[in-house]
Amino acid sequence: MNQITLNASVRTEQGSKAAGRLRRAGKIPGVIKRMSGESTLIELDAHAYDMTMRAHHGDQLLVSIDLGGTKLSALLRETQHDVMTGKVSHVDFGEVDMGHTVRVEIAINLVGTPDGVKNANGVLEQELRAIHVDCLPSDIVESFDIDVSALKVGDSLLASQLNLGEKYHVTTHKDTVVAAVVAADEEIELPAAPADGAAAEPEVIGAKKADAAAEPAKK
């Protein structure tokens, strides 16, 4: 992954009013949680931040922050957005040591058409959208591409079966299902409409609600 560099300045004011003033001035308030345990309040130019991050979609990205001439490595831990405009309203970073592993959550992309879908009319279901791994900060990627082309109907891919390489140690529970190929649901045949003049059977509301509650939600 290409290095992401952000320019930031230290800010001294804190609180919602101060943050509001920054946003109106085209800035994004943020914080860096340092390895020492302290926190550094920062501000970033909103336009520059958007232009830099628009091509990156991971939830936890490694960035290099230029803080008034001092560069540090950090993970983007959380991004908050304005509920009305969708614009970034606050960012949280965590400083990292490039020589020590960190635990991150990385998105999963399923690639390939499963054998069970192509040859047996099965349906691919993705049960897990991201995986937790331990790795060095420099090895963080935005997503993993997982090949599911060998899956047949009835097959499941577990977290323990992921081959991510020696750089990554999967910490998600080994029996967690990542993806599965299931048989397609049989077409439900609706009952014929009552003949003209025949009284339709009254709807049993309670029974219908019970059936709906008993039926598991489809994904």
N, C-alpha and C. Protein backbone atom coordinates (compact mmCIF):
# COMPACT_ATOMS: atom_id res chain seq x y z
N MET A 1 0.85 -1.19 0.00
CA MET A 1 0.00 0.00 0.00
C MET A 1 0.89 1.24 0.00
N ASN A 2 0.52 2.21 -0.84
CA ASN A 2 1.27 3.45 -0.89
C ASN A 2 1.14 4.20 0.44
N GLN A 3 2.23 4.86 0.82
CA GLN A 3 2.22 5.59 2.08
C GLN A 3 1.26 6.77 2.00
N ILE A 4 0.49 6.93 3.07
CA ILE A 4 -0.45 8.03 3.17
C ILE A 4 0.15 9.07 4.11
N THR A 5 0.36 10.27 3.61
CA THR A 5 0.94 11.33 4.42
C THR A 5 -0.08 12.44 4.65
N LEU A 6 -0.24 12.81 5.92
CA LEU A 6 -1.17 13.87 6.30
C LEU A 6 -0.42 14.97 7.03
N ASN A 7 -0.76 16.21 6.72
CA ASN A 7 -0.19 17.35 7.44
C ASN A 7 -1.18 17.79 8.52
N ALA A 8 -0.68 18.01 9.72
CA ALA A 8 -1.53 18.41 10.83
C ALA A 8 -0.83 19.45 11.68
N SER A 9 -1.63 20.18 12.44
CA SER A 9 -1.10 21.17 13.38
C SER A 9 -1.66 20.87 14.76
N VAL A 10 -0.88 21.21 15.77
CA VAL A 10 -1.35 21.04 17.15
C VAL A 10 -2.39 22.12 17.45
N ARG A 11 -3.47 21.73 18.11
CA ARG A 11 -4.47 22.70 18.53
C ARG A 11 -4.52 22.72 20.05
N THR A 12 -4.82 23.89 20.58
CA THR A 12 -4.83 24.04 22.03
C THR A 12 -6.24 24.09 22.59
N GLU A 13 -7.19 24.55 21.78
CA GLU A 13 -8.57 24.63 22.25
C GLU A 13 -9.27 23.28 22.12
N GLN A 14 -10.13 22.98 23.06
CA GLN A 14 -10.91 21.76 22.98
C GLN A 14 -12.34 22.04 23.40
N GLY A 15 -13.21 21.07 23.17
CA GLY A 15 -14.62 21.26 23.46
C GLY A 15 -15.43 21.41 22.19
N SER A 16 -16.75 21.27 22.31
CA SER A 16 -17.62 21.28 21.15
C SER A 16 -17.65 22.63 20.44
N LYS A 17 -17.59 23.73 21.20
CA LYS A 17 -17.62 25.05 20.57
C LYS A 17 -16.37 25.30 19.76
N ALA A 18 -15.23 24.92 20.33
CA ALA A 18 -13.97 25.09 19.61
C ALA A 18 -13.93 24.21 18.37
N ALA A 19 -14.45 22.99 18.49
CA ALA A 19 -14.48 22.09 17.34
C ALA A 19 -15.39 22.64 16.25
N GLY A 20 -16.50 23.23 16.65
CA GLY A 20 -17.41 23.83 15.68
C GLY A 20 -16.76 24.97 14.92
N ARG A 21 -15.99 25.80 15.62
CA ARG A 21 -15.30 26.91 14.96
C ARG A 21 -14.29 26.38 13.95
N LEU A 22 -13.60 25.29 14.30
CA LEU A 22 -12.63 24.71 13.38
C LEU A 22 -13.32 24.21 12.11
N ARG A 23 -14.44 23.53 12.28
CA ARG A 23 -15.15 22.98 11.12
C ARG A 23 -15.64 24.09 10.20
N ARG A 24 -16.14 25.16 10.79
CA ARG A 24 -16.60 26.28 9.97
C ARG A 24 -15.46 26.95 9.23
N ALA A 25 -14.25 26.82 9.76
CA ALA A 25 -13.07 27.39 9.12
C ALA A 25 -12.42 26.41 8.13
N GLY A 26 -13.09 25.28 7.88
CA GLY A 26 -12.56 24.33 6.91
C GLY A 26 -11.54 23.38 7.48
N LYS A 27 -11.59 23.16 8.78
CA LYS A 27 -10.64 22.27 9.45
C LYS A 27 -11.37 21.05 10.03
N ILE A 28 -10.61 20.00 10.27
CA ILE A 28 -11.13 18.80 10.93
C ILE A 28 -10.40 18.63 12.25
N PRO A 29 -11.11 18.63 13.37
CA PRO A 29 -10.44 18.36 14.65
C PRO A 29 -10.13 16.87 14.77
N GLY A 30 -9.03 16.59 15.46
CA GLY A 30 -8.64 15.19 15.65
C GLY A 30 -7.78 15.03 16.88
N VAL A 31 -7.40 13.78 17.14
CA VAL A 31 -6.57 13.48 18.29
C VAL A 31 -5.64 12.32 17.94
N ILE A 32 -4.43 12.39 18.45
CA ILE A 32 -3.47 11.29 18.31
C ILE A 32 -3.21 10.72 19.70
N LYS A 33 -3.53 9.46 19.89
CA LYS A 33 -3.22 8.79 21.14
C LYS A 33 -1.79 8.27 21.05
N ARG A 34 -0.92 8.87 21.88
CA ARG A 34 0.52 8.56 21.78
C ARG A 34 0.86 7.27 22.52
N MET A 35 1.98 6.68 22.16
CA MET A 35 2.42 5.44 22.81
C MET A 35 2.73 5.67 24.28
N SER A 36 3.02 6.93 24.65
CA SER A 36 3.30 7.26 26.06
C SER A 36 2.04 7.26 26.91
N GLY A 37 0.88 7.20 26.25
CA GLY A 37 -0.38 7.25 26.97
C GLY A 37 -1.04 8.61 26.92
N GLU A 38 -0.31 9.62 26.50
CA GLU A 38 -0.86 10.97 26.39
C GLU A 38 -1.61 11.12 25.05
N SER A 39 -2.38 12.18 24.94
CA SER A 39 -3.11 12.48 23.71
C SER A 39 -2.71 13.86 23.20
N THR A 40 -2.52 13.96 21.90
CA THR A 40 -2.19 15.23 21.27
C THR A 40 -3.38 15.68 20.42
N LEU A 41 -3.91 16.86 20.71
CA LEU A 41 -5.01 17.40 19.93
C LEU A 41 -4.47 18.03 18.65
N ILE A 42 -5.10 17.72 17.52
CA ILE A 42 -4.61 18.22 16.24
C ILE A 42 -5.77 18.77 15.41
N GLU A 43 -5.40 19.47 14.36
CA GLU A 43 -6.37 19.92 13.36
C GLU A 43 -5.77 19.68 11.98
N LEU A 44 -6.63 19.33 11.02
CA LEU A 44 -6.21 19.06 9.66
C LEU A 44 -7.07 19.86 8.69
N ASP A 45 -6.49 20.23 7.56
CA ASP A 45 -7.26 20.92 6.54
C ASP A 45 -8.25 19.93 5.92
N ALA A 46 -9.53 20.28 5.94
CA ALA A 46 -10.58 19.35 5.50
C ALA A 46 -10.44 18.99 4.02
N HIS A 47 -10.18 19.98 3.17
CA HIS A 47 -10.07 19.71 1.74
C HIS A 47 -8.88 18.80 1.44
N ALA A 48 -7.74 19.11 2.04
CA ALA A 48 -6.53 18.31 1.81
C ALA A 48 -6.74 16.88 2.32
N TYR A 49 -7.42 16.74 3.46
CA TYR A 49 -7.68 15.41 4.02
C TYR A 49 -8.57 14.61 3.07
N ASP A 50 -9.64 15.24 2.59
CA ASP A 50 -10.55 14.54 1.69
C ASP A 50 -9.85 14.11 0.41
N MET A 51 -9.01 14.97 -0.15
CA MET A 51 -8.30 14.65 -1.39
C MET A 51 -7.32 13.51 -1.18
N THR A 52 -6.68 13.47 -0.02
CA THR A 52 -5.71 12.42 0.27
C THR A 52 -6.38 11.08 0.53
N MET A 53 -7.50 11.10 1.23
CA MET A 53 -8.13 9.85 1.68
C MET A 53 -9.18 9.31 0.73
N ARG A 54 -9.53 10.04 -0.30
CA ARG A 54 -10.65 9.63 -1.15
C ARG A 54 -10.39 8.31 -1.86
N ALA A 55 -9.12 7.97 -2.08
CA ALA A 55 -8.80 6.72 -2.78
C ALA A 55 -8.57 5.55 -1.83
N HIS A 56 -8.72 5.79 -0.53
CA HIS A 56 -8.46 4.74 0.46
C HIS A 56 -9.75 4.45 1.22
N HIS A 57 -10.01 3.14 1.41
CA HIS A 57 -11.31 2.76 1.96
C HIS A 57 -11.21 1.84 3.17
N GLY A 58 -10.03 1.56 3.64
CA GLY A 58 -9.91 0.69 4.81
C GLY A 58 -10.36 1.40 6.08
N ASP A 59 -10.81 0.60 7.05
CA ASP A 59 -11.24 1.18 8.32
C ASP A 59 -10.06 1.56 9.19
N GLN A 60 -8.95 0.85 9.05
CA GLN A 60 -7.76 1.13 9.85
C GLN A 60 -6.56 1.21 8.91
N LEU A 61 -6.14 2.44 8.66
CA LEU A 61 -5.07 2.68 7.70
C LEU A 61 -3.83 3.21 8.40
N LEU A 62 -2.67 2.81 7.90
CA LEU A 62 -1.41 3.35 8.40
C LEU A 62 -1.13 4.66 7.70
N VAL A 63 -0.86 5.69 8.48
CA VAL A 63 -0.57 7.00 7.91
C VAL A 63 0.70 7.57 8.55
N SER A 64 1.33 8.46 7.82
CA SER A 64 2.45 9.23 8.34
C SER A 64 1.94 10.66 8.56
N ILE A 65 2.01 11.12 9.80
CA ILE A 65 1.50 12.45 10.13
C ILE A 65 2.68 13.40 10.31
N ASP A 66 2.67 14.46 9.52
CA ASP A 66 3.66 15.52 9.66
C ASP A 66 3.07 16.55 10.62
N LEU A 67 3.57 16.54 11.83
CA LEU A 67 3.03 17.41 12.87
C LEU A 67 4.02 18.54 13.13
N GLY A 68 3.89 19.59 12.33
CA GLY A 68 4.77 20.74 12.48
C GLY A 68 6.24 20.41 12.26
N GLY A 69 6.51 19.53 11.30
CA GLY A 69 7.90 19.16 11.01
C GLY A 69 8.33 17.87 11.67
N THR A 70 7.58 17.37 12.65
CA THR A 70 7.87 16.10 13.30
C THR A 70 6.96 15.03 12.72
N LYS A 71 7.57 13.98 12.17
CA LYS A 71 6.78 12.92 11.54
C LYS A 71 6.61 11.74 12.49
N LEU A 72 5.41 11.20 12.50
CA LEU A 72 5.14 10.01 13.31
C LEU A 72 4.22 9.08 12.56
N SER A 73 4.31 7.80 12.86
CA SER A 73 3.47 6.79 12.23
C SER A 73 2.27 6.52 13.13
N ALA A 74 1.11 6.40 12.51
CA ALA A 74 -0.10 6.20 13.30
C ALA A 74 -1.13 5.43 12.50
N LEU A 75 -2.04 4.79 13.22
CA LEU A 75 -3.17 4.12 12.59
C LEU A 75 -4.39 5.02 12.69
N LEU A 76 -5.12 5.11 11.60
CA LEU A 76 -6.41 5.78 11.64
C LEU A 76 -7.38 4.83 12.33
N ARG A 77 -7.80 5.19 13.54
CA ARG A 77 -8.61 4.29 14.36
C ARG A 77 -10.10 4.52 14.19
N GLU A 78 -10.50 5.77 14.03
CA GLU A 78 -11.93 6.05 13.94
C GLU A 78 -12.15 7.35 13.18
N THR A 79 -13.17 7.33 12.33
CA THR A 79 -13.58 8.51 11.59
C THR A 79 -15.04 8.79 11.88
N GLN A 80 -15.34 10.00 12.34
CA GLN A 80 -16.72 10.38 12.60
C GLN A 80 -17.20 11.30 11.48
N HIS A 81 -18.49 11.17 11.15
CA HIS A 81 -19.07 11.96 10.07
C HIS A 81 -20.27 12.75 10.56
N ASP A 82 -20.47 13.90 9.97
CA ASP A 82 -21.66 14.70 10.27
C ASP A 82 -22.89 13.97 9.73
N VAL A 83 -23.89 13.80 10.57
CA VAL A 83 -25.07 13.01 10.18
C VAL A 83 -25.88 13.68 9.07
N MET A 84 -25.76 14.98 8.95
CA MET A 84 -26.53 15.70 7.94
C MET A 84 -25.79 15.80 6.61
N THR A 85 -24.51 16.15 6.66
CA THR A 85 -23.75 16.39 5.43
C THR A 85 -22.90 15.20 4.99
N GLY A 86 -22.60 14.31 5.94
CA GLY A 86 -21.74 13.18 5.61
C GLY A 86 -20.26 13.53 5.62
N LYS A 87 -19.93 14.79 5.88
CA LYS A 87 -18.53 15.21 5.89
C LYS A 87 -17.83 14.70 7.15
N VAL A 88 -16.52 14.50 7.04
CA VAL A 88 -15.73 14.06 8.20
C VAL A 88 -15.75 15.16 9.25
N SER A 89 -16.11 14.79 10.48
CA SER A 89 -16.21 15.78 11.55
C SER A 89 -15.15 15.60 12.62
N HIS A 90 -14.52 14.41 12.69
CA HIS A 90 -13.48 14.17 13.69
C HIS A 90 -12.73 12.90 13.32
N VAL A 91 -11.44 12.89 13.60
CA VAL A 91 -10.62 11.70 13.32
C VAL A 91 -9.77 11.36 14.53
N ASP A 92 -9.64 10.05 14.78
CA ASP A 92 -8.81 9.55 15.88
C ASP A 92 -7.67 8.71 15.31
N PHE A 93 -6.46 9.00 15.76
CA PHE A 93 -5.29 8.24 15.36
C PHE A 93 -4.63 7.61 16.59
N GLY A 94 -3.93 6.51 16.36
CA GLY A 94 -3.15 5.89 17.42
C GLY A 94 -1.71 5.73 16.96
N GLU A 95 -0.77 6.33 17.66
CA GLU A 95 0.64 6.22 17.28
C GLU A 95 1.09 4.77 17.40
N VAL A 96 1.93 4.32 16.48
CA VAL A 96 2.41 2.94 16.50
C VAL A 96 3.92 2.91 16.37
N ASP A 97 4.48 1.81 16.88
CA ASP A 97 5.90 1.51 16.72
C ASP A 97 6.02 0.60 15.51
N MET A 98 6.75 1.01 14.48
CA MET A 98 6.82 0.25 13.25
C MET A 98 7.49 -1.11 13.42
N GLY A 99 8.17 -1.32 14.54
CA GLY A 99 8.84 -2.59 14.78
C GLY A 99 8.03 -3.58 15.60
N HIS A 100 6.81 -3.20 16.00
CA HIS A 100 5.97 -4.07 16.82
C HIS A 100 4.64 -4.33 16.12
N THR A 101 4.13 -5.55 16.30
CA THR A 101 2.86 -5.90 15.66
C THR A 101 1.70 -5.17 16.31
N VAL A 102 0.67 -4.99 15.52
CA VAL A 102 -0.57 -4.37 15.99
C VAL A 102 -1.73 -5.26 15.56
N ARG A 103 -2.84 -5.15 16.26
CA ARG A 103 -4.04 -5.91 15.90
C ARG A 103 -4.99 -4.99 15.14
N VAL A 104 -5.36 -5.40 13.95
CA VAL A 104 -6.22 -4.57 13.11
C VAL A 104 -7.32 -5.43 12.50
N GLU A 105 -8.34 -4.74 12.01
CA GLU A 105 -9.45 -5.38 11.32
C GLU A 105 -9.36 -5.01 9.84
N ILE A 106 -9.27 -6.02 8.98
CA ILE A 106 -9.07 -5.78 7.55
C ILE A 106 -10.23 -6.39 6.76
N ALA A 107 -10.73 -5.64 5.80
CA ALA A 107 -11.88 -6.06 5.02
C ALA A 107 -11.57 -7.29 4.17
N ILE A 108 -12.61 -8.07 3.89
CA ILE A 108 -12.51 -9.28 3.07
C ILE A 108 -13.29 -9.07 1.78
N ASN A 109 -12.63 -9.33 0.64
CA ASN A 109 -13.30 -9.33 -0.66
C ASN A 109 -13.29 -10.76 -1.20
N LEU A 110 -14.45 -11.30 -1.52
CA LEU A 110 -14.53 -12.63 -2.10
C LEU A 110 -14.36 -12.51 -3.61
N VAL A 111 -13.47 -13.32 -4.17
CA VAL A 111 -13.22 -13.28 -5.61
C VAL A 111 -13.42 -14.67 -6.21
N GLY A 112 -13.81 -14.70 -7.46
CA GLY A 112 -14.06 -15.95 -8.15
C GLY A 112 -15.51 -16.39 -8.01
N THR A 113 -15.95 -17.22 -8.97
CA THR A 113 -17.29 -17.79 -8.91
C THR A 113 -17.21 -19.21 -8.37
N PRO A 114 -17.85 -19.48 -7.25
CA PRO A 114 -17.76 -20.82 -6.67
C PRO A 114 -18.26 -21.90 -7.63
N ASP A 115 -17.66 -23.08 -7.54
CA ASP A 115 -18.08 -24.22 -8.36
C ASP A 115 -19.55 -24.53 -8.13
N GLY A 116 -19.98 -24.44 -6.86
CA GLY A 116 -21.37 -24.74 -6.53
C GLY A 116 -22.36 -23.75 -7.09
N VAL A 117 -21.92 -22.53 -7.35
CA VAL A 117 -22.78 -21.53 -7.97
C VAL A 117 -22.82 -21.74 -9.48
N LYS A 118 -21.67 -22.02 -10.04
CA LYS A 118 -21.56 -22.15 -11.50
C LYS A 118 -22.18 -23.44 -12.02
N ASN A 119 -22.02 -24.52 -11.26
CA ASN A 119 -22.42 -25.83 -11.78
C ASN A 119 -23.60 -26.48 -11.06
N ALA A 120 -24.01 -25.94 -9.93
CA ALA A 120 -25.08 -26.58 -9.17
C ALA A 120 -26.16 -25.60 -8.70
N ASN A 121 -26.18 -24.42 -9.31
CA ASN A 121 -27.22 -23.43 -9.00
C ASN A 121 -27.24 -23.05 -7.51
N GLY A 122 -26.07 -23.10 -6.87
CA GLY A 122 -26.00 -22.71 -5.46
C GLY A 122 -25.92 -21.20 -5.30
N VAL A 123 -25.95 -20.77 -4.05
CA VAL A 123 -25.90 -19.34 -3.73
C VAL A 123 -24.73 -19.10 -2.78
N LEU A 124 -23.90 -18.13 -3.10
CA LEU A 124 -22.76 -17.76 -2.25
C LEU A 124 -23.23 -16.79 -1.18
N GLU A 125 -22.95 -17.10 0.08
CA GLU A 125 -23.28 -16.20 1.18
C GLU A 125 -21.99 -15.79 1.90
N GLN A 126 -21.76 -14.49 2.00
CA GLN A 126 -20.61 -13.98 2.74
C GLN A 126 -21.04 -13.68 4.16
N GLU A 127 -20.48 -14.44 5.11
CA GLU A 127 -20.87 -14.32 6.50
C GLU A 127 -19.99 -13.33 7.27
N LEU A 128 -18.78 -13.12 6.79
CA LEU A 128 -17.83 -12.25 7.49
C LEU A 128 -17.29 -11.22 6.52
N ARG A 129 -17.37 -9.95 6.93
CA ARG A 129 -16.94 -8.86 6.06
C ARG A 129 -15.53 -8.38 6.35
N ALA A 130 -14.99 -8.73 7.52
CA ALA A 130 -13.64 -8.29 7.88
C ALA A 130 -13.04 -9.32 8.84
N ILE A 131 -11.73 -9.39 8.86
CA ILE A 131 -11.00 -10.35 9.67
C ILE A 131 -10.02 -9.62 10.58
N HIS A 132 -9.86 -10.11 11.81
CA HIS A 132 -8.88 -9.53 12.73
C HIS A 132 -7.55 -10.26 12.59
N VAL A 133 -6.48 -9.49 12.44
CA VAL A 133 -5.14 -10.08 12.31
C VAL A 133 -4.14 -9.28 13.11
N ASP A 134 -3.05 -9.95 13.49
CA ASP A 134 -1.88 -9.28 14.05
C ASP A 134 -0.82 -9.22 12.96
N CYS A 135 -0.23 -8.03 12.77
CA CYS A 135 0.82 -7.88 11.77
C CYS A 135 1.61 -6.62 12.08
N LEU A 136 2.73 -6.45 11.38
CA LEU A 136 3.49 -5.22 11.51
C LEU A 136 2.73 -4.08 10.83
N PRO A 137 2.87 -2.87 11.34
CA PRO A 137 2.15 -1.74 10.72
C PRO A 137 2.42 -1.60 9.22
N SER A 138 3.64 -1.87 8.80
CA SER A 138 3.98 -1.73 7.39
C SER A 138 3.31 -2.77 6.50
N ASP A 139 2.76 -3.83 7.11
CA ASP A 139 2.11 -4.88 6.34
C ASP A 139 0.58 -4.73 6.30
N ILE A 140 0.06 -3.65 6.86
CA ILE A 140 -1.38 -3.44 6.84
C ILE A 140 -1.84 -3.15 5.41
N VAL A 141 -2.89 -3.84 5.00
CA VAL A 141 -3.47 -3.62 3.68
C VAL A 141 -4.93 -3.19 3.87
N GLU A 142 -5.52 -2.65 2.83
CA GLU A 142 -6.89 -2.17 2.93
C GLU A 142 -7.90 -3.31 2.89
N SER A 143 -7.53 -4.42 2.21
CA SER A 143 -8.44 -5.56 2.13
C SER A 143 -7.67 -6.80 1.69
N PHE A 144 -8.26 -7.97 1.96
CA PHE A 144 -7.75 -9.24 1.49
C PHE A 144 -8.69 -9.77 0.41
N ASP A 145 -8.13 -10.26 -0.70
CA ASP A 145 -8.91 -10.94 -1.72
C ASP A 145 -8.89 -12.44 -1.44
N ILE A 146 -10.05 -13.02 -1.21
CA ILE A 146 -10.15 -14.43 -0.86
C ILE A 146 -10.82 -15.19 -2.01
N ASP A 147 -10.10 -16.17 -2.55
CA ASP A 147 -10.61 -16.96 -3.68
C ASP A 147 -11.59 -18.02 -3.17
N VAL A 148 -12.82 -17.98 -3.69
CA VAL A 148 -13.84 -18.94 -3.26
C VAL A 148 -14.28 -19.83 -4.42
N SER A 149 -13.52 -19.86 -5.50
CA SER A 149 -13.94 -20.58 -6.70
C SER A 149 -14.05 -22.09 -6.50
N ALA A 150 -13.36 -22.65 -5.49
CA ALA A 150 -13.39 -24.10 -5.28
C ALA A 150 -14.57 -24.56 -4.43
N LEU A 151 -15.33 -23.65 -3.85
CA LEU A 151 -16.42 -24.03 -2.96
C LEU A 151 -17.57 -24.68 -3.73
N LYS A 152 -18.04 -25.83 -3.21
CA LYS A 152 -19.20 -26.51 -3.77
C LYS A 152 -20.40 -26.29 -2.85
N VAL A 153 -21.57 -26.69 -3.30
CA VAL A 153 -22.76 -26.57 -2.48
C VAL A 153 -22.56 -27.37 -1.19
N GLY A 154 -22.80 -26.71 -0.07
CA GLY A 154 -22.60 -27.35 1.23
C GLY A 154 -21.25 -27.05 1.85
N ASP A 155 -20.34 -26.45 1.08
CA ASP A 155 -19.01 -26.11 1.60
C ASP A 155 -19.04 -24.78 2.35
N SER A 156 -18.19 -24.71 3.37
CA SER A 156 -17.99 -23.46 4.11
C SER A 156 -16.51 -23.16 4.17
N LEU A 157 -16.17 -21.88 4.17
CA LEU A 157 -14.80 -21.44 4.33
C LEU A 157 -14.67 -20.84 5.72
N LEU A 158 -13.79 -21.41 6.56
CA LEU A 158 -13.61 -20.96 7.93
C LEU A 158 -12.42 -20.02 8.04
N ALA A 159 -12.41 -19.25 9.12
CA ALA A 159 -11.29 -18.33 9.36
C ALA A 159 -9.96 -19.08 9.43
N SER A 160 -9.99 -20.28 9.98
CA SER A 160 -8.76 -21.07 10.11
C SER A 160 -8.23 -21.54 8.76
N GLN A 161 -9.05 -21.50 7.72
CA GLN A 161 -8.65 -21.97 6.39
C GLN A 161 -8.11 -20.85 5.50
N LEU A 162 -8.13 -19.63 6.01
CA LEU A 162 -7.62 -18.52 5.21
C LEU A 162 -6.10 -18.58 5.11
N ASN A 163 -5.61 -18.45 3.92
CA ASN A 163 -4.16 -18.45 3.69
C ASN A 163 -3.73 -17.02 3.36
N LEU A 164 -3.39 -16.27 4.40
CA LEU A 164 -3.06 -14.86 4.22
C LEU A 164 -1.55 -14.62 4.13
N GLY A 165 -0.77 -15.66 4.35
CA GLY A 165 0.68 -15.51 4.31
C GLY A 165 1.29 -15.41 5.69
N GLU A 166 2.60 -15.54 5.74
CA GLU A 166 3.32 -15.57 7.01
C GLU A 166 3.30 -14.24 7.76
N LYS A 167 3.01 -13.16 7.07
CA LYS A 167 3.03 -11.84 7.71
C LYS A 167 1.82 -11.62 8.63
N TYR A 168 0.79 -12.47 8.47
CA TYR A 168 -0.47 -12.20 9.18
C TYR A 168 -0.85 -13.38 10.07
N HIS A 169 -1.17 -13.06 11.32
CA HIS A 169 -1.68 -14.06 12.26
C HIS A 169 -3.15 -13.76 12.51
N VAL A 170 -4.01 -14.68 12.09
CA VAL A 170 -5.45 -14.47 12.23
C VAL A 170 -5.85 -14.65 13.69
N THR A 171 -6.54 -13.64 14.24
CA THR A 171 -6.98 -13.71 15.64
C THR A 171 -8.50 -13.90 15.75
N THR A 172 -9.20 -13.78 14.64
CA THR A 172 -10.63 -14.13 14.64
C THR A 172 -10.75 -15.61 14.97
N HIS A 173 -11.79 -16.00 15.72
CA HIS A 173 -11.95 -17.40 16.13
C HIS A 173 -11.89 -18.32 14.92
N LYS A 174 -11.13 -19.39 15.07
CA LYS A 174 -10.84 -20.27 13.93
C LYS A 174 -12.07 -20.89 13.30
N ASP A 175 -13.17 -21.08 14.07
CA ASP A 175 -14.36 -21.73 13.53
C ASP A 175 -15.38 -20.74 12.95
N THR A 176 -15.00 -19.46 12.89
CA THR A 176 -15.90 -18.47 12.31
C THR A 176 -16.04 -18.69 10.81
N VAL A 177 -17.29 -18.74 10.34
CA VAL A 177 -17.55 -18.95 8.92
C VAL A 177 -17.35 -17.64 8.16
N VAL A 178 -16.51 -17.69 7.15
CA VAL A 178 -16.26 -16.52 6.31
C VAL A 178 -17.25 -16.48 5.15
N ALA A 179 -17.43 -17.62 4.51
CA ALA A 179 -18.35 -17.70 3.37
C ALA A 179 -18.85 -19.14 3.24
N ALA A 180 -19.99 -19.30 2.60
CA ALA A 180 -20.56 -20.63 2.39
C ALA A 180 -21.37 -20.62 1.10
N VAL A 181 -21.45 -21.79 0.49
CA VAL A 181 -22.30 -21.97 -0.68
C VAL A 181 -23.45 -22.88 -0.28
N VAL A 182 -24.66 -22.37 -0.42
CA VAL A 182 -25.84 -23.12 -0.01
C VAL A 182 -26.73 -23.38 -1.22
N ALA A 183 -27.61 -24.38 -1.08
CA ALA A 183 -28.54 -24.69 -2.16
C ALA A 183 -29.54 -23.55 -2.30
N ALA A 184 -29.89 -23.24 -3.53
CA ALA A 184 -30.87 -22.18 -3.77
C ALA A 184 -32.22 -22.59 -3.21
N ASP A 185 -32.96 -21.62 -2.65
CA ASP A 185 -34.28 -21.92 -2.10
C ASP A 185 -35.20 -22.40 -3.22
N GLU A 186 -35.99 -23.39 -2.91
CA GLU A 186 -36.97 -23.86 -3.88
C GLU A 186 -38.06 -22.81 -4.05
N GLU A 187 -38.54 -22.72 -5.24
CA GLU A 187 -39.59 -21.74 -5.52
C GLU A 187 -40.85 -22.10 -4.75
N ILE A 188 -41.40 -21.13 -4.03
CA ILE A 188 -42.60 -21.36 -3.25
C ILE A 188 -43.82 -21.23 -4.14
N GLU A 189 -44.67 -22.29 -4.16
CA GLU A 189 -45.87 -22.27 -4.99
C GLU A 189 -47.03 -21.68 -4.20
N LEU A 190 -47.58 -20.59 -4.68
CA LEU A 190 -48.67 -19.92 -4.00
C LEU A 190 -49.97 -20.67 -4.25
N PRO A 191 -50.88 -20.72 -3.26
CA PRO A 191 -52.17 -21.38 -3.45
C PRO A 191 -53.01 -20.64 -4.49
N ALA A 192 -53.85 -21.40 -5.20
CA ALA A 192 -54.70 -20.79 -6.23
C ALA A 192 -55.71 -19.86 -5.59
N ALA A 193 -56.06 -18.80 -6.31
CA ALA A 193 -57.05 -17.84 -5.81
C ALA A 193 -58.40 -18.52 -5.75
N PRO A 194 -59.26 -18.17 -4.76
CA PRO A 194 -60.58 -18.79 -4.65
C PRO A 194 -61.44 -18.46 -5.86
N ALA A 195 -62.31 -19.43 -6.23
CA ALA A 195 -63.19 -19.23 -7.38
C ALA A 195 -64.17 -18.11 -7.10
N ASP A 196 -64.69 -17.50 -8.19
CA ASP A 196 -65.65 -16.41 -8.03
C ASP A 196 -66.82 -16.85 -7.17
N GLY A 197 -67.19 -16.05 -6.21
CA GLY A 197 -68.32 -16.35 -5.37
C GLY A 197 -67.95 -17.16 -4.15
N ALA A 198 -66.76 -17.81 -4.17
CA ALA A 198 -66.35 -18.60 -3.01
C ALA A 198 -65.80 -17.67 -1.95
N ALA A 199 -66.15 -17.96 -0.74
CA ALA A 199 -65.68 -17.11 0.36
C ALA A 199 -64.22 -17.39 0.63
N ALA A 200 -63.44 -16.35 0.67
CA ALA A 200 -62.02 -16.51 0.98
C ALA A 200 -61.86 -16.81 2.46
N GLU A 201 -60.91 -17.70 2.77
CA GLU A 201 -60.66 -18.06 4.17
C GLU A 201 -60.09 -16.85 4.89
N PRO A 202 -60.63 -16.52 6.07
CA PRO A 202 -60.14 -15.33 6.78
C PRO A 202 -58.67 -15.48 7.16
N GLU A 203 -57.98 -14.35 7.15
CA GLU A 203 -56.57 -14.33 7.51
C GLU A 203 -56.41 -14.48 9.02
N VAL A 204 -55.57 -15.41 9.42
CA VAL A 204 -55.31 -15.63 10.84
C VAL A 204 -54.09 -14.81 11.22
N ILE A 205 -54.33 -13.63 11.78
CA ILE A 205 -53.24 -12.69 12.04
C ILE A 205 -52.23 -13.27 13.00
N GLY A 206 -52.72 -13.84 14.07
CA GLY A 206 -51.79 -14.37 15.08
C GLY A 206 -50.89 -15.44 14.54
N ALA A 207 -51.47 -16.35 13.72
CA ALA A 207 -50.67 -17.44 13.18
C ALA A 207 -49.62 -16.91 12.23
N LYS A 208 -49.99 -15.88 11.46
CA LYS A 208 -49.03 -15.32 10.50
C LYS A 208 -47.86 -14.67 11.21
N LYS A 209 -48.16 -13.97 12.30
CA LYS A 209 -47.08 -13.33 13.06
C LYS A 209 -46.16 -14.37 13.66
N ALA A 210 -46.74 -15.47 14.13
CA ALA A 210 -45.92 -16.52 14.73
C ALA A 210 -45.00 -17.13 13.71
N ASP A 211 -45.57 -17.35 12.47
CA ASP A 211 -44.74 -17.91 11.41
C ASP A 211 -43.59 -16.98 11.07
N ALA A 212 -43.88 -15.67 11.01
CA ALA A 212 -42.84 -14.70 10.66
C ALA A 212 -41.77 -14.67 11.72
N ALA A 213 -42.18 -14.79 12.99
CA ALA A 213 -41.19 -14.74 14.07
C ALA A 213 -40.31 -15.96 14.07
N ALA A 214 -40.90 -17.11 13.64
CA ALA A 214 -40.13 -18.36 13.67
C ALA A 214 -39.17 -18.46 12.52
N GLU A 215 -39.45 -17.73 11.43
CA GLU A 215 -38.61 -17.84 10.26
C GLU A 215 -37.33 -17.04 10.44
N PRO A 216 -36.16 -17.65 10.30
CA PRO A 216 -34.90 -16.90 10.45
C PRO A 216 -34.75 -15.88 9.37
N ALA A 217 -34.13 -14.77 9.73
CA ALA A 217 -33.92 -13.68 8.75
C ALA A 217 -32.99 -14.14 7.68
N LYS A 218 -33.33 -13.84 6.44
CA LYS A 218 -32.44 -14.18 5.32
C LYS A 218 -31.37 -13.14 5.18
N LYS A 219 -30.19 -13.57 4.83
CA LYS A 219 -29.08 -12.62 4.66
C LYS A 219 -28.96 -12.26 3.21
